[in-house]
């Protein structure tokens, strides 16, 4: 059984272009990808789901771990989860 940690639960403007939204998501998740790169022994998968609250779309991203201890290490590394907003678009 996998252990899930919600890392992002954010609303976004539905008129944003898909490629811009994707850049914002990648930018927001960058610290988590760096953590994954520095903890190669941890098996983690990032799962994206979509929801709508009222008329506002939401993106939800969860980290799924095979081991509960790995999820605990992750939560200790990022104690302000879940994030509630996406990082702004960047041209980098």
N, C-alpha and C. Protein backbone atom coordinates (compact mmCIF):
# COMPACT_ATOMS: atom_id res chain seq x y z
N UNK A 1 0.84 -1.18 0.00
CA UNK A 1 0.00 0.00 0.00
C UNK A 1 0.89 1.25 0.00
N UNK A 2 0.57 2.18 -0.85
CA UNK A 2 1.37 3.39 -0.97
C UNK A 2 0.92 4.44 0.05
N UNK A 3 1.88 5.22 0.50
CA UNK A 3 1.60 6.34 1.39
C UNK A 3 1.59 7.60 0.55
N UNK A 4 0.53 8.40 0.68
CA UNK A 4 0.38 9.61 -0.12
C UNK A 4 0.57 10.85 0.74
N UNK A 5 1.25 11.83 0.15
CA UNK A 5 1.44 13.12 0.79
C UNK A 5 0.99 14.18 -0.21
N UNK A 6 -0.01 14.96 0.16
CA UNK A 6 -0.48 16.02 -0.73
C UNK A 6 0.52 17.17 -0.69
N UNK A 7 1.04 17.53 -1.88
CA UNK A 7 2.04 18.59 -1.91
C UNK A 7 1.53 19.87 -2.56
N UNK A 8 0.47 19.77 -3.35
CA UNK A 8 -0.08 20.96 -3.99
C UNK A 8 -1.59 20.81 -4.10
N UNK A 9 -2.30 21.86 -3.71
CA UNK A 9 -3.75 21.93 -3.83
C UNK A 9 -4.07 23.38 -4.16
N UNK A 10 -4.02 23.70 -5.46
CA UNK A 10 -4.07 25.10 -5.87
C UNK A 10 -5.10 25.35 -6.97
N UNK A 11 -5.77 26.48 -6.84
CA UNK A 11 -6.67 26.95 -7.90
C UNK A 11 -5.85 27.70 -8.93
N UNK A 12 -6.38 27.75 -10.15
CA UNK A 12 -5.71 28.51 -11.20
C UNK A 12 -6.76 29.07 -12.15
N UNK A 13 -6.34 30.06 -12.93
CA UNK A 13 -7.23 30.70 -13.89
C UNK A 13 -7.41 29.78 -15.09
N UNK A 14 -8.65 29.45 -15.44
CA UNK A 14 -8.88 28.51 -16.53
C UNK A 14 -8.60 29.10 -17.92
N UNK A 15 -8.31 30.39 -18.00
CA UNK A 15 -7.99 30.98 -19.30
C UNK A 15 -6.50 30.93 -19.61
N UNK A 16 -5.69 30.41 -18.67
CA UNK A 16 -4.26 30.33 -18.89
C UNK A 16 -3.96 29.26 -19.95
N UNK A 17 -2.99 29.54 -20.79
CA UNK A 17 -2.59 28.58 -21.82
C UNK A 17 -1.99 27.33 -21.15
N UNK A 18 -2.20 26.18 -21.76
CA UNK A 18 -1.72 24.92 -21.18
C UNK A 18 -0.21 24.92 -20.96
N UNK A 19 0.56 25.45 -21.90
CA UNK A 19 2.01 25.43 -21.78
C UNK A 19 2.48 26.34 -20.64
N UNK A 20 1.74 27.41 -20.39
CA UNK A 20 2.07 28.30 -19.28
C UNK A 20 1.75 27.61 -17.96
N UNK A 21 0.60 26.95 -17.90
CA UNK A 21 0.23 26.21 -16.68
C UNK A 21 1.26 25.12 -16.41
N UNK A 22 1.68 24.43 -17.45
CA UNK A 22 2.68 23.38 -17.27
C UNK A 22 3.99 23.96 -16.73
N UNK A 23 4.41 25.11 -17.22
CA UNK A 23 5.63 25.76 -16.73
C UNK A 23 5.47 26.14 -15.25
N UNK A 24 4.30 26.65 -14.90
CA UNK A 24 4.05 27.03 -13.50
C UNK A 24 4.10 25.80 -12.58
N UNK A 25 3.55 24.70 -13.04
CA UNK A 25 3.58 23.46 -12.25
C UNK A 25 5.02 22.97 -12.10
N UNK A 26 5.77 22.95 -13.20
CA UNK A 26 7.16 22.49 -13.15
C UNK A 26 8.00 23.37 -12.21
N UNK A 27 7.77 24.68 -12.28
CA UNK A 27 8.49 25.61 -11.42
C UNK A 27 8.14 25.38 -9.95
N UNK A 28 6.88 25.12 -9.68
CA UNK A 28 6.43 24.88 -8.30
C UNK A 28 7.00 23.58 -7.76
N UNK A 29 7.11 22.57 -8.61
CA UNK A 29 7.59 21.26 -8.18
C UNK A 29 9.11 21.12 -8.18
N UNK A 30 9.82 22.09 -8.69
CA UNK A 30 11.28 22.01 -8.80
C UNK A 30 11.97 21.60 -7.48
N UNK A 31 11.60 22.19 -6.33
CA UNK A 31 12.27 21.76 -5.07
C UNK A 31 12.02 20.28 -4.74
N UNK A 32 10.86 19.77 -5.11
CA UNK A 32 10.55 18.37 -4.84
C UNK A 32 11.33 17.45 -5.77
N UNK A 33 11.53 17.87 -7.02
CA UNK A 33 12.35 17.10 -7.95
C UNK A 33 13.81 17.08 -7.49
N UNK A 34 14.31 18.21 -6.98
CA UNK A 34 15.68 18.25 -6.46
C UNK A 34 15.82 17.33 -5.26
N UNK A 35 14.80 17.31 -4.39
CA UNK A 35 14.82 16.41 -3.25
C UNK A 35 14.88 14.96 -3.74
N UNK A 36 14.09 14.63 -4.75
CA UNK A 36 14.07 13.28 -5.30
C UNK A 36 15.45 12.91 -5.86
N UNK A 37 16.10 13.85 -6.55
CA UNK A 37 17.43 13.60 -7.11
C UNK A 37 18.48 13.35 -6.04
N UNK A 38 18.33 14.02 -4.90
CA UNK A 38 19.32 13.86 -3.83
C UNK A 38 18.99 12.70 -2.89
N UNK A 39 17.85 12.07 -3.08
CA UNK A 39 17.45 10.90 -2.28
C UNK A 39 17.11 9.75 -3.22
N UNK A 40 18.09 9.30 -3.95
CA UNK A 40 17.89 8.28 -5.00
C UNK A 40 17.34 6.96 -4.46
N UNK A 41 17.59 6.68 -3.19
CA UNK A 41 17.12 5.41 -2.62
C UNK A 41 15.61 5.42 -2.33
N UNK A 42 15.00 6.60 -2.40
CA UNK A 42 13.57 6.73 -2.13
C UNK A 42 12.79 6.60 -3.43
N UNK A 43 11.81 5.71 -3.42
CA UNK A 43 10.95 5.54 -4.59
C UNK A 43 9.71 6.42 -4.41
N UNK A 44 9.64 7.52 -5.19
CA UNK A 44 8.52 8.45 -5.10
C UNK A 44 7.98 8.72 -6.50
N UNK A 45 6.67 8.84 -6.57
CA UNK A 45 5.99 9.15 -7.82
C UNK A 45 5.07 10.34 -7.56
N UNK A 46 5.11 11.33 -8.45
CA UNK A 46 4.25 12.50 -8.32
C UNK A 46 3.04 12.31 -9.22
N UNK A 47 1.85 12.39 -8.62
CA UNK A 47 0.60 12.12 -9.32
C UNK A 47 -0.23 13.39 -9.36
N UNK A 48 -0.64 13.78 -10.56
CA UNK A 48 -1.42 15.00 -10.76
C UNK A 48 -2.88 14.64 -11.03
N UNK A 49 -3.79 15.32 -10.34
CA UNK A 49 -5.22 15.18 -10.60
C UNK A 49 -5.84 16.56 -10.71
N UNK A 50 -7.01 16.60 -11.30
CA UNK A 50 -7.71 17.86 -11.54
C UNK A 50 -9.04 17.82 -10.82
N UNK A 51 -9.51 19.00 -10.42
CA UNK A 51 -10.81 19.12 -9.76
C UNK A 51 -11.39 20.48 -10.12
N UNK A 52 -12.65 20.67 -9.86
CA UNK A 52 -13.30 21.96 -10.05
C UNK A 52 -14.10 22.26 -8.79
N UNK A 53 -13.88 23.44 -8.23
CA UNK A 53 -14.63 23.89 -7.06
C UNK A 53 -15.42 25.11 -7.50
N UNK A 54 -16.75 24.96 -7.54
CA UNK A 54 -17.58 26.02 -8.10
C UNK A 54 -17.28 26.13 -9.59
N UNK A 55 -16.77 27.26 -10.00
CA UNK A 55 -16.36 27.46 -11.39
C UNK A 55 -14.85 27.53 -11.54
N UNK A 56 -14.14 27.25 -10.48
CA UNK A 56 -12.69 27.41 -10.47
C UNK A 56 -11.98 26.06 -10.56
N UNK A 57 -11.11 25.89 -11.56
CA UNK A 57 -10.35 24.64 -11.64
C UNK A 57 -9.24 24.60 -10.61
N UNK A 58 -8.92 23.38 -10.18
CA UNK A 58 -7.85 23.15 -9.20
C UNK A 58 -6.94 22.06 -9.73
N UNK A 59 -5.71 22.17 -9.34
CA UNK A 59 -4.74 21.10 -9.60
C UNK A 59 -4.29 20.57 -8.25
N UNK A 60 -4.25 19.25 -8.15
CA UNK A 60 -3.83 18.58 -6.92
C UNK A 60 -2.69 17.63 -7.29
N UNK A 61 -1.60 17.74 -6.57
CA UNK A 61 -0.47 16.85 -6.81
C UNK A 61 -0.10 16.18 -5.50
N UNK A 62 0.01 14.85 -5.58
CA UNK A 62 0.38 14.06 -4.42
C UNK A 62 1.68 13.31 -4.72
N UNK A 63 2.49 13.17 -3.70
CA UNK A 63 3.68 12.32 -3.77
C UNK A 63 3.29 10.97 -3.20
N UNK A 64 3.54 9.91 -3.96
CA UNK A 64 3.22 8.56 -3.50
C UNK A 64 4.50 7.80 -3.21
N UNK A 65 4.57 7.24 -2.00
CA UNK A 65 5.75 6.52 -1.54
C UNK A 65 5.42 5.06 -1.26
N UNK A 66 6.37 4.18 -1.55
CA UNK A 66 6.18 2.76 -1.24
C UNK A 66 6.38 2.50 0.25
N UNK A 67 7.21 3.30 0.90
CA UNK A 67 7.52 3.11 2.31
C UNK A 67 7.04 4.31 3.14
N UNK A 68 6.30 4.07 4.22
CA UNK A 68 5.85 5.19 5.07
C UNK A 68 6.99 6.00 5.66
N UNK A 69 8.14 5.35 5.91
CA UNK A 69 9.28 6.09 6.46
C UNK A 69 9.82 7.10 5.45
N UNK A 70 9.75 6.75 4.16
CA UNK A 70 10.17 7.69 3.12
C UNK A 70 9.24 8.89 3.07
N UNK A 71 7.95 8.64 3.24
CA UNK A 71 6.97 9.74 3.28
C UNK A 71 7.24 10.65 4.47
N UNK A 72 7.60 10.05 5.61
CA UNK A 72 7.93 10.84 6.80
C UNK A 72 9.16 11.71 6.58
N UNK A 73 10.18 11.15 5.95
CA UNK A 73 11.38 11.93 5.64
C UNK A 73 11.03 13.10 4.72
N UNK A 74 10.19 12.85 3.74
CA UNK A 74 9.76 13.89 2.81
C UNK A 74 9.01 15.00 3.55
N UNK A 75 8.08 14.61 4.42
CA UNK A 75 7.31 15.60 5.17
C UNK A 75 8.18 16.41 6.12
N UNK A 76 9.22 15.80 6.67
CA UNK A 76 10.15 16.55 7.52
C UNK A 76 10.96 17.55 6.70
N UNK A 77 11.21 17.21 5.45
CA UNK A 77 11.98 18.11 4.57
C UNK A 77 11.15 19.29 4.10
N UNK A 78 9.84 19.11 4.00
CA UNK A 78 8.92 20.15 3.52
C UNK A 78 7.76 20.25 4.50
N UNK A 79 7.89 21.11 5.49
CA UNK A 79 6.89 21.16 6.55
C UNK A 79 5.73 22.11 6.27
N UNK A 80 5.70 22.75 5.10
CA UNK A 80 4.62 23.71 4.80
C UNK A 80 3.66 23.17 3.74
N UNK A 81 3.44 21.86 3.75
CA UNK A 81 2.58 21.25 2.74
C UNK A 81 1.15 21.12 3.23
N UNK A 82 0.17 21.13 2.35
CA UNK A 82 0.29 21.31 0.91
C UNK A 82 0.41 22.79 0.54
N UNK A 83 1.11 23.03 -0.55
CA UNK A 83 1.18 24.38 -1.10
C UNK A 83 -0.19 24.74 -1.65
N UNK A 84 -0.54 26.01 -1.57
CA UNK A 84 -1.87 26.43 -2.01
C UNK A 84 -1.85 27.34 -3.23
N UNK A 85 -0.66 27.56 -3.81
CA UNK A 85 -0.58 28.38 -5.01
C UNK A 85 0.57 27.90 -5.88
N UNK A 86 0.45 28.21 -7.16
CA UNK A 86 1.49 27.89 -8.12
C UNK A 86 2.48 29.04 -8.19
N UNK A 87 3.72 28.73 -8.51
CA UNK A 87 4.70 29.79 -8.75
C UNK A 87 4.36 30.47 -10.08
N UNK A 88 4.73 31.72 -10.19
CA UNK A 88 4.45 32.49 -11.39
C UNK A 88 5.21 31.94 -12.58
N UNK A 89 4.69 32.21 -13.74
CA UNK A 89 5.32 31.80 -14.99
C UNK A 89 6.66 32.51 -15.13
N UNK A 90 7.65 31.79 -15.66
CA UNK A 90 8.96 32.39 -15.89
C UNK A 90 9.43 32.04 -17.29
N UNK A 91 10.23 32.89 -17.86
CA UNK A 91 10.75 32.65 -19.20
C UNK A 91 12.10 31.97 -19.19
N UNK A 92 12.47 31.33 -18.07
CA UNK A 92 13.78 30.68 -18.00
C UNK A 92 13.71 29.24 -18.47
